[in-house]
Amino acid sequence: KLQRDFKMGDCDVSNKPRGHVLVNKQKSKLEKLMKNVDKPVSIPEPPKEKLPPQGREFIRNIWGSSAGVGSGDFHIYRGIRRREYMRQTYNNMKSEQEKLDKEFS
């Protein structure tokens, strides 16, 4: 059985915060950009609004009750229900955003 006593001087741990690595990366990127000032810089466009998938307008197979429904139909129903909840959530978020925009302006 091996035992090892660690003391404060044994470990090579610096007291610097870990963010110094990111600062150095950012500094090197800025220096690279400033070497050639005439080179155009591409600024990416902001991401477009992601719309939920559009559901079907008319669903042909509507079940009046669960009697006589096959075992595979539950999964179809569950998918339809999930898509409808996504659509309702999106519409609620959109209306809330429009309300906040209207109040702001």
PDB file of N, CA and C in Angstrom:
ATOM      1  N   LYS A   1       0.842  -1.169   0.000  1.00  0.00           N
ATOM      2  CA  LYS A   1       0.000   0.000   0.000  1.00  0.00           C
ATOM      3  C   LYS A   1       0.892   1.238   0.000  1.00  0.00           C
ATOM      4  N   LEU A   2       0.707   2.069  -1.004  1.00  0.00           N
ATOM      5  CA  LEU A   2       1.527   3.272  -1.102  1.00  0.00           C
ATOM      6  C   LEU A   2       0.786   4.459  -0.501  1.00  0.00           C
ATOM      7  N   GLN A   3       1.501   5.221   0.281  1.00  0.00           N
ATOM      8  CA  GLN A   3       0.948   6.453   0.819  1.00  0.00           C
ATOM      9  C   GLN A   3       1.894   7.575   0.471  1.00  0.00           C
ATOM     10  N   ARG A   4       1.327   8.686   0.148  1.00  0.00           N
ATOM     11  CA  ARG A   4       2.159   9.827  -0.210  1.00  0.00           C
ATOM     12  C   ARG A   4       1.593  11.050   0.482  1.00  0.00           C
ATOM     13  N   ASP A   5       2.420  11.748   1.155  1.00  0.00           N
ATOM     14  CA  ASP A   5       2.004  12.965   1.844  1.00  0.00           C
ATOM     15  C   ASP A   5       2.246  14.143   0.909  1.00  0.00           C
ATOM     16  N   PHE A   6       1.201  14.896   0.644  1.00  0.00           N
ATOM     17  CA  PHE A   6       1.321  16.061  -0.205  1.00  0.00           C
ATOM     18  C   PHE A   6       1.448  17.294   0.658  1.00  0.00           C
ATOM     19  N   LYS A   7       2.374  18.117   0.285  1.00  0.00           N
ATOM     20  CA  LYS A   7       2.548  19.388   0.956  1.00  0.00           C
ATOM     21  C   LYS A   7       2.226  20.492  -0.043  1.00  0.00           C
ATOM     22  N   MET A   8       2.127  21.694   0.428  1.00  0.00           N
ATOM     23  CA  MET A   8       1.770  22.811  -0.447  1.00  0.00           C
ATOM     24  C   MET A   8       2.801  23.011  -1.560  1.00  0.00           C
ATOM     25  N   GLY A   9       4.056  22.740  -1.325  1.00  0.00           N
ATOM     26  CA  GLY A   9       5.099  22.960  -2.316  1.00  0.00           C
ATOM     27  C   GLY A   9       5.198  21.843  -3.345  1.00  0.00           C
ATOM     28  N   ASP A  10       4.579  20.688  -3.092  1.00  0.00           N
ATOM     29  CA  ASP A  10       4.692  19.547  -3.989  1.00  0.00           C
ATOM     30  C   ASP A  10       3.977  19.758  -5.316  1.00  0.00           C
ATOM     31  N   CYS A  11       2.812  20.344  -5.278  1.00  0.00           N
ATOM     32  CA  CYS A  11       2.013  20.503  -6.487  1.00  0.00           C
ATOM     33  C   CYS A  11       2.432  21.762  -7.219  1.00  0.00           C
ATOM     34  N   ASP A  12       2.427  21.673  -8.538  1.00  0.00           N
ATOM     35  CA  ASP A  12       2.768  22.833  -9.355  1.00  0.00           C
ATOM     36  C   ASP A  12       1.468  23.522  -9.771  1.00  0.00           C
ATOM     37  N   VAL A  13       0.875  24.228  -8.845  1.00  0.00           N
ATOM     38  CA  VAL A  13      -0.382  24.916  -9.107  1.00  0.00           C
ATOM     39  C   VAL A  13      -0.118  26.413  -8.949  1.00  0.00           C
ATOM     40  N   SER A  14      -0.395  27.154  -9.989  1.00  0.00           N
ATOM     41  CA  SER A  14      -0.186  28.591  -9.896  1.00  0.00           C
ATOM     42  C   SER A  14      -1.417  29.245  -9.286  1.00  0.00           C
ATOM     43  N   ASN A  15      -1.216  30.376  -8.697  1.00  0.00           N
ATOM     44  CA  ASN A  15      -2.315  31.101  -8.070  1.00  0.00           C
ATOM     45  C   ASN A  15      -3.030  32.020  -9.050  1.00  0.00           C
ATOM     46  N   LYS A  16      -2.640  31.981 -10.326  1.00  0.00           N
ATOM     47  CA  LYS A  16      -3.287  32.820 -11.327  1.00  0.00           C
ATOM     48  C   LYS A  16      -4.695  32.307 -11.596  1.00  0.00           C
ATOM     49  N   PRO A  17      -5.623  33.209 -11.892  1.00  0.00           N
ATOM     50  CA  PRO A  17      -6.945  32.725 -12.300  1.00  0.00           C
ATOM     51  C   PRO A  17      -6.858  32.037 -13.653  1.00  0.00           C
ATOM     52  N   ARG A  18      -7.749  31.119 -13.900  1.00  0.00           N
ATOM     53  CA  ARG A  18      -7.704  30.328 -15.130  1.00  0.00           C
ATOM     54  C   ARG A  18      -8.064  31.136 -16.369  1.00  0.00           C
ATOM     55  N   GLY A  19      -8.601  32.321 -16.209  1.00  0.00           N
ATOM     56  CA  GLY A  19      -8.991  33.139 -17.347  1.00  0.00           C
ATOM     57  C   GLY A  19      -7.815  33.718 -18.119  1.00  0.00           C
ATOM     58  N   HIS A  20      -6.597  33.637 -17.586  1.00  0.00           N
ATOM     59  CA  HIS A  20      -5.450  34.223 -18.272  1.00  0.00           C
ATOM     60  C   HIS A  20      -5.178  33.554 -19.616  1.00  0.00           C
ATOM     61  N   VAL A  21      -5.534  32.290 -19.761  1.00  0.00           N
ATOM     62  CA  VAL A  21      -5.338  31.589 -21.030  1.00  0.00           C
ATOM     63  C   VAL A  21      -6.246  32.204 -22.103  1.00  0.00           C
ATOM     64  N   LEU A  22      -7.497  32.483 -21.737  1.00  0.00           N
ATOM     65  CA  LEU A  22      -8.427  33.083 -22.686  1.00  0.00           C
ATOM     66  C   LEU A  22      -7.997  34.496 -23.065  1.00  0.00           C
ATOM     67  N   VAL A  23      -7.461  35.224 -22.092  1.00  0.00           N
ATOM     68  CA  VAL A  23      -6.987  36.583 -22.377  1.00  0.00           C
ATOM     69  C   VAL A  23      -5.836  36.534 -23.377  1.00  0.00           C
ATOM     70  N   ASN A  24      -4.944  35.571 -23.199  1.00  0.00           N
ATOM     71  CA  ASN A  24      -3.825  35.437 -24.131  1.00  0.00           C
ATOM     72  C   ASN A  24      -4.301  35.067 -25.535  1.00  0.00           C
ATOM     73  N   LYS A  25      -5.316  34.199 -25.616  1.00  0.00           N
ATOM     74  CA  LYS A  25      -5.862  33.833 -26.927  1.00  0.00           C
ATOM     75  C   LYS A  25      -6.466  35.050 -27.609  1.00  0.00           C
ATOM     76  N   GLN A  26      -7.248  35.808 -26.855  1.00  0.00           N
ATOM     77  CA  GLN A  26      -7.886  36.994 -27.424  1.00  0.00           C
ATOM     78  C   GLN A  26      -6.832  38.020 -27.834  1.00  0.00           C
ATOM     79  N   LYS A  27      -5.800  38.157 -27.033  1.00  0.00           N
ATOM     80  CA  LYS A  27      -4.725  39.101 -27.347  1.00  0.00           C
ATOM     81  C   LYS A  27      -4.021  38.703 -28.640  1.00  0.00           C
ATOM     82  N   SER A  28      -3.757  37.423 -28.827  1.00  0.00           N
ATOM     83  CA  SER A  28      -3.080  36.976 -30.051  1.00  0.00           C
ATOM     84  C   SER A  28      -3.977  37.160 -31.274  1.00  0.00           C
ATOM     85  N   LYS A  29      -5.295  36.944 -31.114  1.00  0.00           N
ATOM     86  CA  LYS A  29      -6.202  37.168 -32.233  1.00  0.00           C
ATOM     87  C   LYS A  29      -6.268  38.635 -32.619  1.00  0.00           C
ATOM     88  N   LEU A  30      -6.282  39.514 -31.630  1.00  0.00           N
ATOM     89  CA  LEU A  30      -6.293  40.955 -31.921  1.00  0.00           C
ATOM     90  C   LEU A  30      -5.000  41.394 -32.593  1.00  0.00           C
ATOM     91  N   GLU A  31      -3.888  40.870 -32.130  1.00  0.00           N
ATOM     92  CA  GLU A  31      -2.608  41.214 -32.758  1.00  0.00           C
ATOM     93  C   GLU A  31      -2.569  40.745 -34.210  1.00  0.00           C
ATOM     94  N   LYS A  32      -3.114  39.567 -34.480  1.00  0.00           N
ATOM     95  CA  LYS A  32      -3.169  39.046 -35.843  1.00  0.00           C
ATOM     96  C   LYS A  32      -4.026  39.946 -36.728  1.00  0.00           C
ATOM     97  N   LEU A  33      -5.163  40.414 -36.191  1.00  0.00           N
ATOM     98  CA  LEU A  33      -6.017  41.320 -36.957  1.00  0.00           C
ATOM     99  C   LEU A  33      -5.340  42.657 -37.223  1.00  0.00           C
ATOM    100  N   MET A  34      -4.597  43.156 -36.256  1.00  0.00           N
ATOM    101  CA  MET A  34      -3.991  44.478 -36.392  1.00  0.00           C
ATOM    102  C   MET A  34      -2.755  44.461 -37.287  1.00  0.00           C
ATOM    103  N   LYS A  35      -2.188  43.289 -37.591  1.00  0.00           N
ATOM    104  CA  LYS A  35      -1.039  43.225 -38.496  1.00  0.00           C
ATOM    105  C   LYS A  35      -1.418  43.675 -39.893  1.00  0.00           C
ATOM    106  N   ASN A  36      -2.616  43.273 -40.348  1.00  0.00           N
ATOM    107  CA  ASN A  36      -3.075  43.631 -41.687  1.00  0.00           C
ATOM    108  C   ASN A  36      -4.413  44.369 -41.542  1.00  0.00           C
ATOM    109  N   VAL A  37      -4.316  45.679 -41.381  1.00  0.00           N
ATOM    110  CA  VAL A  37      -5.502  46.488 -41.126  1.00  0.00           C
ATOM    111  C   VAL A  37      -6.370  46.623 -42.375  1.00  0.00           C
ATOM    112  N   ASP A  38      -5.768  46.537 -43.552  1.00  0.00           N
ATOM    113  CA  ASP A  38      -6.508  46.718 -44.796  1.00  0.00           C
ATOM    114  C   ASP A  38      -7.388  45.509 -45.148  1.00  0.00           C
ATOM    115  N   LYS A  39      -7.127  44.377 -44.542  1.00  0.00           N
ATOM    116  CA  LYS A  39      -7.888  43.173 -44.852  1.00  0.00           C
ATOM    117  C   LYS A  39      -9.307  43.312 -44.292  1.00  0.00           C
ATOM    118  N   PRO A  40     -10.342  43.040 -45.121  1.00  0.00           N
ATOM    119  CA  PRO A  40     -11.717  43.159 -44.608  1.00  0.00           C
ATOM    120  C   PRO A  40     -12.031  42.038 -43.613  1.00  0.00           C
ATOM    121  N   VAL A  41     -12.824  42.393 -42.625  1.00  0.00           N
ATOM    122  CA  VAL A  41     -13.216  41.447 -41.583  1.00  0.00           C
ATOM    123  C   VAL A  41     -14.683  41.093 -41.788  1.00  0.00           C
ATOM    124  N   SER A  42     -14.983  39.819 -41.788  1.00  0.00           N
ATOM    125  CA  SER A  42     -16.372  39.411 -41.971  1.00  0.00           C
ATOM    126  C   SER A  42     -17.055  39.315 -40.607  1.00  0.00           C
ATOM    127  N   ILE A  43     -18.166  39.992 -40.491  1.00  0.00           N
ATOM    128  CA  ILE A  43     -18.960  39.946 -39.268  1.00  0.00           C
ATOM    129  C   ILE A  43     -20.186  39.091 -39.571  1.00  0.00           C
ATOM    130  N   PRO A  44     -20.370  37.990 -38.849  1.00  0.00           N
ATOM    131  CA  PRO A  44     -21.488  37.091 -39.161  1.00  0.00           C
ATOM    132  C   PRO A  44     -22.828  37.752 -38.861  1.00  0.00           C
ATOM    133  N   GLU A  45     -23.829  37.345 -39.636  1.00  0.00           N
ATOM    134  CA  GLU A  45     -25.185  37.845 -39.441  1.00  0.00           C
ATOM    135  C   GLU A  45     -25.778  37.214 -38.178  1.00  0.00           C
ATOM    136  N   PRO A  46     -26.672  37.918 -37.496  1.00  0.00           N
ATOM    137  CA  PRO A  46     -27.311  37.299 -36.342  1.00  0.00           C
ATOM    138  C   PRO A  46     -28.184  36.127 -36.785  1.00  0.00           C
ATOM    139  N   PRO A  47     -28.359  35.148 -35.921  1.00  0.00           N
ATOM    140  CA  PRO A  47     -29.160  33.979 -36.316  1.00  0.00           C
ATOM    141  C   PRO A  47     -30.608  34.376 -36.585  1.00  0.00           C
ATOM    142  N   LYS A  48     -31.179  33.730 -37.595  1.00  0.00           N
ATOM    143  CA  LYS A  48     -32.569  34.004 -37.945  1.00  0.00           C
ATOM    144  C   LYS A  48     -33.493  33.308 -36.962  1.00  0.00           C
ATOM    145  N   GLU A  49     -34.702  33.809 -36.883  1.00  0.00           N
ATOM    146  CA  GLU A  49     -35.680  33.229 -35.975  1.00  0.00           C
ATOM    147  C   GLU A  49     -36.069  31.843 -36.470  1.00  0.00           C
ATOM    148  N   LYS A  50     -36.000  30.888 -35.566  1.00  0.00           N
ATOM    149  CA  LYS A  50     -36.316  29.513 -35.938  1.00  0.00           C
ATOM    150  C   LYS A  50     -37.804  29.274 -35.731  1.00  0.00           C
ATOM    151  N   LEU A  51     -38.481  28.913 -36.786  1.00  0.00           N
ATOM    152  CA  LEU A  51     -39.909  28.642 -36.722  1.00  0.00           C
ATOM    153  C   LEU A  51     -40.142  27.166 -36.430  1.00  0.00           C
ATOM    154  N   PRO A  52     -41.192  26.857 -35.676  1.00  0.00           N
ATOM    155  CA  PRO A  52     -41.480  25.436 -35.450  1.00  0.00           C
ATOM    156  C   PRO A  52     -41.993  24.804 -36.729  1.00  0.00           C
ATOM    157  N   PRO A  53     -41.868  23.489 -36.848  1.00  0.00           N
ATOM    158  CA  PRO A  53     -42.382  22.837 -38.053  1.00  0.00           C
ATOM    159  C   PRO A  53     -43.889  23.035 -38.169  1.00  0.00           C
ATOM    160  N   GLN A  54     -44.328  23.309 -39.376  1.00  0.00           N
ATOM    161  CA  GLN A  54     -45.749  23.547 -39.590  1.00  0.00           C
ATOM    162  C   GLN A  54     -46.509  22.222 -39.585  1.00  0.00           C
ATOM    163  N   GLY A  55     -47.585  22.188 -38.826  1.00  0.00           N
ATOM    164  CA  GLY A  55     -48.394  20.983 -38.732  1.00  0.00           C
ATOM    165  C   GLY A  55     -49.360  20.895 -39.894  1.00  0.00           C
ATOM    166  N   ARG A  56     -49.990  19.738 -40.000  1.00  0.00           N
ATOM    167  CA  ARG A  56     -50.983  19.548 -41.053  1.00  0.00           C
ATOM    168  C   ARG A  56     -52.245  20.312 -40.689  1.00  0.00           C
ATOM    169  N   GLU A  57     -52.914  20.819 -41.702  1.00  0.00           N
ATOM    170  CA  GLU A  57     -54.158  21.534 -41.461  1.00  0.00           C
ATOM    171  C   GLU A  57     -55.302  20.561 -41.160  1.00  0.00           C
ATOM    172  N   PHE A  58     -55.276  19.423 -41.825  1.00  0.00           N
ATOM    173  CA  PHE A  58     -56.370  18.473 -41.675  1.00  0.00           C
ATOM    174  C   PHE A  58     -55.783  17.114 -41.343  1.00  0.00           C
ATOM    175  N   ILE A  59     -56.198  16.550 -40.219  1.00  0.00           N
ATOM    176  CA  ILE A  59     -55.741  15.226 -39.823  1.00  0.00           C
ATOM    177  C   ILE A  59     -56.885  14.254 -40.094  1.00  0.00           C
ATOM    178  N   ARG A  60     -56.648  13.281 -40.950  1.00  0.00           N
ATOM    179  CA  ARG A  60     -57.716  12.400 -41.412  1.00  0.00           C
ATOM    180  C   ARG A  60     -58.127  11.360 -40.383  1.00  0.00           C
ATOM    181  N   ASN A  61     -57.184  10.846 -39.651  1.00  0.00           N
ATOM    182  CA  ASN A  61     -57.488   9.724 -38.779  1.00  0.00           C
ATOM    183  C   ASN A  61     -57.727  10.219 -37.354  1.00  0.00           C
ATOM    184  N   ILE A  62     -58.948  10.633 -37.050  1.00  0.00           N
ATOM    185  CA  ILE A  62     -59.294  11.121 -35.717  1.00  0.00           C
ATOM    186  C   ILE A  62     -59.989   9.996 -34.974  1.00  0.00           C
ATOM    187  N   TRP A  63     -59.559   9.763 -33.749  1.00  0.00           N
ATOM    188  CA  TRP A  63     -60.122   8.691 -32.970  1.00  0.00           C
ATOM    189  C   TRP A  63     -61.192   9.261 -32.052  1.00  0.00           C
ATOM    190  N   GLY A  64     -62.390   8.711 -32.111  1.00  0.00           N
ATOM    191  CA  GLY A  64     -63.463   9.173 -31.245  1.00  0.00           C
ATOM    192  C   GLY A  64     -63.311   8.629 -29.841  1.00  0.00           C
ATOM    193  N   SER A  65     -62.812   7.439 -29.709  1.00  0.00           N
ATOM    194  CA  SER A  65     -62.542   6.849 -28.403  1.00  0.00           C
ATOM    195  C   SER A  65     -61.355   5.912 -28.577  1.00  0.00           C
ATOM    196  N   SER A  66     -60.904   5.376 -27.482  1.00  0.00           N
ATOM    197  CA  SER A  66     -59.736   4.496 -27.581  1.00  0.00           C
ATOM    198  C   SER A  66     -60.116   3.070 -27.954  1.00  0.00           C
ATOM    199  N   ALA A  67     -61.392   2.764 -27.978  1.00  0.00           N
ATOM    200  CA  ALA A  67     -61.816   1.409 -28.318  1.00  0.00           C
ATOM    201  C   ALA A  67     -61.552   1.136 -29.798  1.00  0.00           C
ATOM    202  N   GLY A  68     -60.891   0.058 -30.085  1.00  0.00           N
ATOM    203  CA  GLY A  68     -60.640  -0.339 -31.461  1.00  0.00           C
ATOM    204  C   GLY A  68     -59.423   0.312 -32.088  1.00  0.00           C
ATOM    205  N   VAL A  69     -58.705   1.095 -31.345  1.00  0.00           N
ATOM    206  CA  VAL A  69     -57.519   1.752 -31.888  1.00  0.00           C
ATOM    207  C   VAL A  69     -56.345   0.788 -31.764  1.00  0.00           C
ATOM    208  N   GLY A  70     -55.546   0.710 -32.796  1.00  0.00           N
ATOM    209  CA  GLY A  70     -54.393  -0.182 -32.787  1.00  0.00           C
ATOM    210  C   GLY A  70     -53.291   0.334 -31.885  1.00  0.00           C
ATOM    211  N   SER A  71     -52.327  -0.524 -31.594  1.00  0.00           N
ATOM    212  CA  SER A  71     -51.258  -0.161 -30.667  1.00  0.00           C
ATOM    213  C   SER A  71     -50.317   0.883 -31.265  1.00  0.00           C
ATOM    214  N   GLY A  72     -50.178   0.924 -32.569  1.00  0.00           N
ATOM    215  CA  GLY A  72     -49.284   1.894 -33.200  1.00  0.00           C
ATOM    216  C   GLY A  72     -49.875   3.279 -33.281  1.00  0.00           C
ATOM    217  N   ASP A  73     -51.191   3.390 -33.128  1.00  0.00           N
ATOM    218  CA  ASP A  73     -51.834   4.689 -33.241  1.00  0.00           C
ATOM    219  C   ASP A  73     -51.520   5.601 -32.065  1.00  0.00           C
ATOM    220  N   PHE A  74     -51.184   5.019 -30.923  1.00  0.00           N
ATOM    221  CA  PHE A  74     -50.845   5.849 -29.776  1.00  0.00           C
ATOM    222  C   PHE A  74     -49.620   6.706 -30.078  1.00  0.00           C
ATOM    223  N   HIS A  75     -48.636   6.135 -30.756  1.00  0.00           N
ATOM    224  CA  HIS A  75     -47.419   6.879 -31.067  1.00  0.00           C
ATOM    225  C   HIS A  75     -47.706   8.001 -32.052  1.00  0.00           C
ATOM    226  N   ILE A  76     -48.617   7.768 -32.980  1.00  0.00           N
ATOM    227  CA  ILE A  76     -49.030   8.813 -33.916  1.00  0.00           C
ATOM    228  C   ILE A  76     -49.708   9.937 -33.152  1.00  0.00           C
ATOM    229  N   TYR A  77     -50.619   9.571 -32.258  1.00  0.00           N
ATOM    230  CA  TYR A  77     -51.318  10.569 -31.446  1.00  0.00           C
ATOM    231  C   TYR A  77     -50.342  11.371 -30.597  1.00  0.00           C
ATOM    232  N   ARG A  78     -49.370  10.685 -30.008  1.00  0.00           N
ATOM    233  CA  ARG A  78     -48.388  11.354 -29.155  1.00  0.00           C
ATOM    234  C   ARG A  78     -47.572  12.362 -29.960  1.00  0.00           C
ATOM    235  N   GLY A  79     -47.192  12.002 -31.183  1.00  0.00           N
ATOM    236  CA  GLY A  79     -46.458  12.937 -32.039  1.00  0.00           C
ATOM    237  C   GLY A  79     -47.283  14.143 -32.418  1.00  0.00           C
ATOM    238  N   ILE A  80     -48.563  13.918 -32.733  1.00  0.00           N
ATOM    239  CA  ILE A  80     -49.457  15.025 -33.075  1.00  0.00           C
ATOM    240  C   ILE A  80     -49.615  15.957 -31.876  1.00  0.00           C
ATOM    241  N   ARG A  81     -49.794  15.362 -30.708  1.00  0.00           N
ATOM    242  CA  ARG A  81     -49.966  16.152 -29.487  1.00  0.00           C
ATOM    243  C   ARG A  81     -48.710  16.970 -29.189  1.00  0.00           C
ATOM    244  N   ARG A  82     -47.516  16.372 -29.350  1.00  0.00           N
ATOM    245  CA  ARG A  82     -46.250  17.067 -29.097  1.00  0.00           C
ATOM    246  C   ARG A  82     -46.086  18.256 -30.032  1.00  0.00           C
ATOM    247  N   ARG A  83     -46.392  18.046 -31.316  1.00  0.00           N
ATOM    248  CA  ARG A  83     -46.270  19.139 -32.293  1.00  0.00           C
ATOM    249  C   ARG A  83     -47.253  20.262 -31.992  1.00  0.00           C
ATOM    250  N   GLU A  84     -48.466  19.900 -31.550  1.00  0.00           N
ATOM    251  CA  GLU A  84     -49.464  20.915 -31.207  1.00  0.00           C
ATOM    252  C   GLU A  84     -49.017  21.722 -29.991  1.00  0.00           C
ATOM    253  N   TYR A  85     -48.445  21.058 -28.988  1.00  0.00           N
ATOM    254  CA  TYR A  85     -47.935  21.778 -27.822  1.00  0.00           C
ATOM    255  C   TYR A  85     -46.791  22.702 -28.208  1.00  0.00           C
ATOM    256  N   MET A  86     -45.910  22.246 -29.100  1.00  0.00           N
ATOM    257  CA  MET A  86     -44.818  23.107 -29.580  1.00  0.00           C
ATOM    258  C   MET A  86     -45.376  24.328 -30.289  1.00  0.00           C
ATOM    259  N   ARG A  87     -46.400  24.129 -31.113  1.00  0.00           N
ATOM    260  CA  ARG A  87     -46.997  25.237 -31.854  1.00  0.00           C
ATOM    261  C   ARG A  87     -47.637  26.235 -30.898  1.00  0.00           C
ATOM    262  N   GLN A  88     -48.366  25.732 -29.903  1.00  0.00           N
ATOM    263  CA  GLN A  88     -49.002  26.618 -28.934  1.00  0.00           C
ATOM    264  C   GLN A  88     -47.968  27.385 -28.109  1.00  0.00           C
ATOM    265  N   THR A  89     -46.903  26.713 -27.710  1.00  0.00           N
ATOM    266  CA  THR A  89     -45.841  27.375 -26.954  1.00  0.00           C
ATOM    267  C   THR A  89     -45.196  28.469 -27.785  1.00  0.00           C
ATOM    268  N   TYR A  90     -44.922  28.183 -29.055  1.00  0.00           N
ATOM    269  CA  TYR A  90     -44.328  29.183 -29.943  1.00  0.00           C
ATOM    270  C   TYR A  90     -45.258  30.383 -30.103  1.00  0.00           C
ATOM    271  N   ASN A  91     -46.550  30.122 -30.314  1.00  0.00           N
ATOM    272  CA  ASN A  91     -47.501  31.221 -30.477  1.00  0.00           C
ATOM    273  C   ASN A  91     -47.595  32.067 -29.208  1.00  0.00           C
ATOM    274  N   ASN A  92     -47.571  31.422 -28.045  1.00  0.00           N
ATOM    275  CA  ASN A  92     -47.611  32.167 -26.790  1.00  0.00           C
ATOM    276  C   ASN A  92     -46.361  33.030 -26.611  1.00  0.00           C
ATOM    277  N   MET A  93     -45.195  32.471 -26.917  1.00  0.00           N
ATOM    278  CA  MET A  93     -43.952  33.239 -26.802  1.00  0.00           C
ATOM    279  C   MET A  93     -43.945  34.398 -27.782  1.00  0.00           C
ATOM    280  N   LYS A  94     -44.420  34.150 -28.993  1.00  0.00           N
ATOM    281  CA  LYS A  94     -44.456  35.191 -30.019  1.00  0.00           C
ATOM    282  C   LYS A  94     -45.395  36.323 -29.600  1.00  0.00           C
ATOM    283  N   SER A  95     -46.582  35.991 -29.078  1.00  0.00           N
ATOM    284  CA  SER A  95     -47.522  37.026 -28.666  1.00  0.00           C
ATOM    285  C   SER A  95     -46.980  37.809 -27.473  1.00  0.00           C
ATOM    286  N   GLU A  96     -46.288  37.137 -26.559  1.00  0.00           N
ATOM    287  CA  GLU A  96     -45.686  37.821 -25.416  1.00  0.00           C
ATOM    288  C   GLU A  96     -44.593  38.786 -25.880  1.00  0.00           C
ATOM    289  N   GLN A  97     -43.777  38.334 -26.852  1.00  0.00           N
ATOM    290  CA  GLN A  97     -42.718  39.192 -27.392  1.00  0.00           C
ATOM    291  C   GLN A  97     -43.315  40.405 -28.098  1.00  0.00           C
ATOM    292  N   GLU A  98     -44.383  40.213 -28.877  1.00  0.00           N
ATOM    293  CA  GLU A  98     -45.035  41.329 -29.556  1.00  0.00           C
ATOM    294  C   GLU A  98     -45.626  42.310 -28.550  1.00  0.00           C
ATOM    295  N   LYS A  99     -46.177  41.773 -27.455  1.00  0.00           N
ATOM    296  CA  LYS A  99     -46.747  42.629 -26.411  1.00  0.00           C
ATOM    297  C   LYS A  99     -45.655  43.480 -25.762  1.00  0.00           C
ATOM    298  N   LEU A 100     -44.504  42.846 -25.460  1.00  0.00           N
ATOM    299  CA  LEU A 100     -43.409  43.587 -24.857  1.00  0.00           C
ATOM    300  C   LEU A 100     -42.836  44.630 -25.828  1.00  0.00           C
ATOM    301  N   ASP A 101     -42.751  44.287 -27.124  1.00  0.00           N
ATOM    302  CA  ASP A 101     -42.273  45.243 -28.120  1.00  0.00           C
ATOM    303  C   ASP A 101     -43.216  46.430 -28.231  1.00  0.00           C
ATOM    304  N   LYS A 102     -44.516  46.145 -28.177  1.00  0.00           N
ATOM    305  CA  LYS A 102     -45.518  47.216 -28.280  1.00  0.00           C
ATOM    306  C   LYS A 102     -45.438  48.133 -27.066  1.00  0.00           C
ATOM    307  N   GLU A 103     -45.252  47.572 -25.873  1.00  0.00           N
ATOM    308  CA  GLU A 103     -45.124  48.382 -24.671  1.00  0.00           C
ATOM    309  C   GLU A 103     -43.856  49.214 -24.692  1.00  0.00           C
ATOM    310  N   PHE A 104     -42.784  48.677 -25.267  1.00  0.00           N
ATOM    311  CA  PHE A 104     -41.516  49.387 -25.313  1.00  0.00           C
ATOM    312  C   PHE A 104     -41.565  50.579 -26.257  1.00  0.00           C
ATOM    313  N   SER A 105     -42.257  50.418 -27.372  1.00  0.00           N
ATOM    314  CA  SER A 105     -42.278  51.503 -28.359  1.00  0.00           C
ATOM    315  C   SER A 105     -43.442  52.441 -28.171  1.00  0.00           C
TER     316      SER A 105
END
